[in-house]
Amino acid sequence: MTADLKVFIDLLKHDLETLALLERLLSEERMALESRDLRALQTLTPEKNTLLDTMAENTRQRIAWLDSTGMGKSRFLELIKAKAASVHALYTRAESELVRIKQMNEVNGRILIRTQQVNERLMDIIRGKGHLTADLYAANGQKTSSDGSAHSLALA
């Protein structure tokens, strides 16, 4: 293994460490979102942003390293697959973890969006902007909506 490849390996290992921290943090974030724990979310968000910044910096360093080799990404991956299987396995593992972490982050994002929508709807109702219609049925089978309209349930 050349010293140059060692730099790439060290960057991959650092990525894997950062991804492990992100996984733990995203799990905590999901629990905080599900339990609507605002304090926990306020603590986790800056930590998450720091880890995402670290990942972005590592990516920039890997791209710069790859550019310095003069090979394209696909050529480099073919070369390490053929000549340095352990490095290729490390790269594949890092890429798989990254995909998994992105999926976790997307799920948390969807939970956050849904929570915001529910909160907005509740606030609209409180402000009188929302209109809930409850359907009620009278003894004669007439469906009466809270908006005052009436519909016959059955004509017999």
Protein backbone atom coordinates (compact mmCIF):
# COMPACT_ATOMS: atom_id res chain seq x y z
CA MET A 1 0.00 0.00 0.00
CA THR A 2 1.41 3.33 -0.97
CA ALA A 3 1.36 6.36 1.29
CA ASP A 4 -1.06 8.02 -1.13
CA LEU A 5 -3.55 5.19 -0.84
CA LYS A 6 -3.18 5.36 2.95
CA VAL A 7 -4.58 8.90 2.82
CA PHE A 8 -7.64 7.62 0.96
CA ILE A 9 -8.07 4.74 3.42
CA ASP A 10 -7.81 7.12 6.38
CA LEU A 11 -10.49 9.34 4.83
CA LEU A 12 -12.77 6.33 4.36
CA LYS A 13 -12.23 5.22 7.95
CA HIS A 14 -13.00 8.73 9.15
CA ASP A 15 -16.18 8.68 7.04
CA LEU A 16 -17.25 5.39 8.62
CA GLU A 17 -16.67 6.79 12.12
CA THR A 18 -18.68 9.91 11.27
CA LEU A 19 -21.46 7.82 9.70
CA ALA A 20 -21.67 5.71 12.87
CA LEU A 21 -22.09 8.88 14.92
CA LEU A 22 -24.71 10.15 12.48
CA GLU A 23 -26.61 6.87 12.72
CA ARG A 24 -26.77 7.13 16.51
CA LEU A 25 -27.79 10.77 16.30
CA LEU A 26 -30.47 10.13 13.66
CA SER A 27 -31.94 7.35 15.83
CA GLU A 28 -32.09 9.78 18.75
CA GLU A 29 -33.59 12.42 16.48
CA ARG A 30 -36.31 10.03 15.35
CA MET A 31 -37.21 9.19 18.94
CA ALA A 32 -37.31 12.91 19.76
CA LEU A 33 -39.52 13.59 16.73
CA GLU A 34 -41.89 10.77 17.60
CA SER A 35 -42.17 11.92 21.22
CA ARG A 36 -42.22 15.60 20.18
CA ASP A 37 -39.30 16.35 22.49
CA LEU A 38 -38.36 19.87 21.43
CA ARG A 39 -35.46 20.18 23.89
CA ALA A 40 -33.80 17.05 22.54
CA LEU A 41 -34.27 18.26 18.96
CA GLN A 42 -32.70 21.61 19.82
CA THR A 43 -29.67 19.78 21.22
CA LEU A 44 -29.40 17.25 18.39
CA THR A 45 -29.68 19.68 15.47
CA PRO A 46 -26.34 21.47 16.00
CA GLU A 47 -24.61 18.12 16.55
CA LYS A 48 -26.13 16.78 13.33
CA ASN A 49 -25.05 19.87 11.40
CA THR A 50 -21.48 19.51 12.69
CA LEU A 51 -21.36 15.87 11.57
CA LEU A 52 -22.82 16.77 8.16
CA ASP A 53 -20.17 19.49 7.78
CA THR A 54 -17.51 16.90 8.64
CA MET A 55 -18.89 14.54 5.99
CA ALA A 56 -18.88 17.34 3.41
CA GLU A 57 -15.28 18.21 4.21
CA ASN A 58 -14.23 14.55 3.99
CA THR A 59 -15.95 14.30 0.61
CA ARG A 60 -14.08 17.38 -0.63
CA GLN A 61 -10.80 15.85 0.55
CA ARG A 62 -11.52 12.51 -1.14
CA ILE A 63 -12.44 14.26 -4.39
CA ALA A 64 -9.26 16.35 -4.22
CA TRP A 65 -7.22 13.22 -3.52
CA LEU A 66 -8.83 11.39 -6.44
CA ASP A 67 -8.21 14.38 -8.73
CA SER A 68 -4.54 14.36 -7.67
CA THR A 69 -4.19 10.76 -8.89
CA GLY A 70 -5.21 11.76 -12.41
CA MET A 71 -7.65 8.85 -12.61
CA GLY A 72 -11.37 9.10 -12.87
CA LYS A 73 -13.54 7.60 -10.17
CA SER A 74 -14.58 4.56 -12.21
CA ARG A 75 -10.99 3.78 -13.23
CA PHE A 76 -9.81 4.14 -9.64
CA LEU A 77 -12.56 1.83 -8.36
CA GLU A 78 -11.70 -0.78 -10.98
CA LEU A 79 -8.04 -0.57 -9.97
CA ILE A 80 -8.64 -0.98 -6.23
CA LYS A 81 -11.13 -3.77 -6.87
CA ALA A 82 -8.46 -5.66 -8.80
CA LYS A 83 -5.36 -4.73 -6.78
CA ALA A 84 -6.57 -3.77 -3.28
CA ALA A 85 -9.73 -5.71 -2.47
CA SER A 86 -9.72 -4.64 1.19
CA VAL A 87 -9.72 -0.96 0.17
CA HIS A 88 -12.52 -1.60 -2.29
CA ALA A 89 -14.50 -3.39 0.45
CA LEU A 90 -13.96 -0.41 2.77
CA TYR A 91 -15.16 1.96 0.04
CA THR A 92 -18.23 -0.21 -0.66
CA ARG A 93 -19.04 -0.35 3.04
CA ALA A 94 -18.78 3.44 3.35
CA GLU A 95 -21.04 3.95 0.32
CA SER A 96 -23.63 1.49 1.70
CA GLU A 97 -23.61 3.18 5.09
CA LEU A 98 -24.03 6.56 3.44
CA VAL A 99 -27.10 5.34 1.54
CA ARG A 100 -28.58 3.95 4.77
CA ILE A 101 -27.91 7.18 6.67
CA LYS A 102 -29.52 9.22 3.87
CA GLN A 103 -32.61 7.01 4.11
CA MET A 104 -32.78 7.50 7.88
CA ASN A 105 -32.48 11.25 7.40
CA GLU A 106 -35.26 11.22 4.78
CA VAL A 107 -37.56 9.31 7.15
CA ASN A 108 -36.88 11.85 9.89
CA GLY A 109 -37.57 14.63 7.41
CA ARG A 110 -40.92 13.09 6.49
CA ILE A 111 -41.83 12.75 10.17
CA LEU A 112 -40.90 16.39 10.71
CA ILE A 113 -42.97 17.55 7.73
CA ARG A 114 -45.98 15.52 8.87
CA THR A 115 -45.67 16.91 12.40
CA GLN A 116 -45.54 20.44 11.02
CA GLN A 117 -48.64 19.79 8.91
CA VAL A 118 -50.55 18.47 11.92
CA ASN A 119 -49.47 21.44 14.02
CA GLU A 120 -50.49 23.89 11.29
CA ARG A 121 -53.88 22.19 10.98
CA LEU A 122 -54.43 22.36 14.73
CA MET A 123 -53.44 26.02 14.79
CA ASP A 124 -55.85 26.72 11.93
CA ILE A 125 -58.64 25.05 13.89
CA ILE A 126 -57.78 27.07 17.00
CA ARG A 127 -57.76 30.27 14.95
CA GLY A 128 -61.12 29.35 13.44
CA LYS A 129 -59.71 28.90 9.95
CA GLY A 130 -60.20 25.17 9.90
CA HIS A 131 -63.59 23.74 9.23
CA LEU A 132 -64.38 20.40 10.71
CA THR A 133 -67.60 18.80 9.62
CA ALA A 134 -68.98 16.11 11.81
CA ASP A 135 -71.61 13.91 10.24
CA LEU A 136 -74.44 12.97 12.54
CA TYR A 137 -77.43 10.70 11.94
CA ALA A 138 -80.90 11.46 13.26
CA ALA A 139 -83.35 8.77 14.41
CA ASN A 140 -85.06 8.85 11.03
CA GLY A 141 -81.81 8.01 9.18
CA GLN A 142 -81.23 11.56 8.01
CA LYS A 143 -77.54 12.42 7.80
CA THR A 144 -77.00 15.88 9.20
CA SER A 145 -73.66 17.56 8.79
CA SER A 146 -72.43 20.17 11.23
CA ASP A 147 -72.48 22.60 8.30
CA GLY A 148 -76.29 22.45 8.31
CA SER A 149 -76.87 20.33 5.21
CA ALA A 150 -78.96 17.21 5.42
CA HIS A 151 -78.79 14.05 3.33
CA SER A 152 -81.04 11.03 3.48
CA LEU A 153 -79.21 7.89 4.53
CA ALA A 154 -81.83 5.59 3.11
CA LEU A 155 -85.12 6.07 1.43
CA ALA A 156 -87.45 3.28 2.43
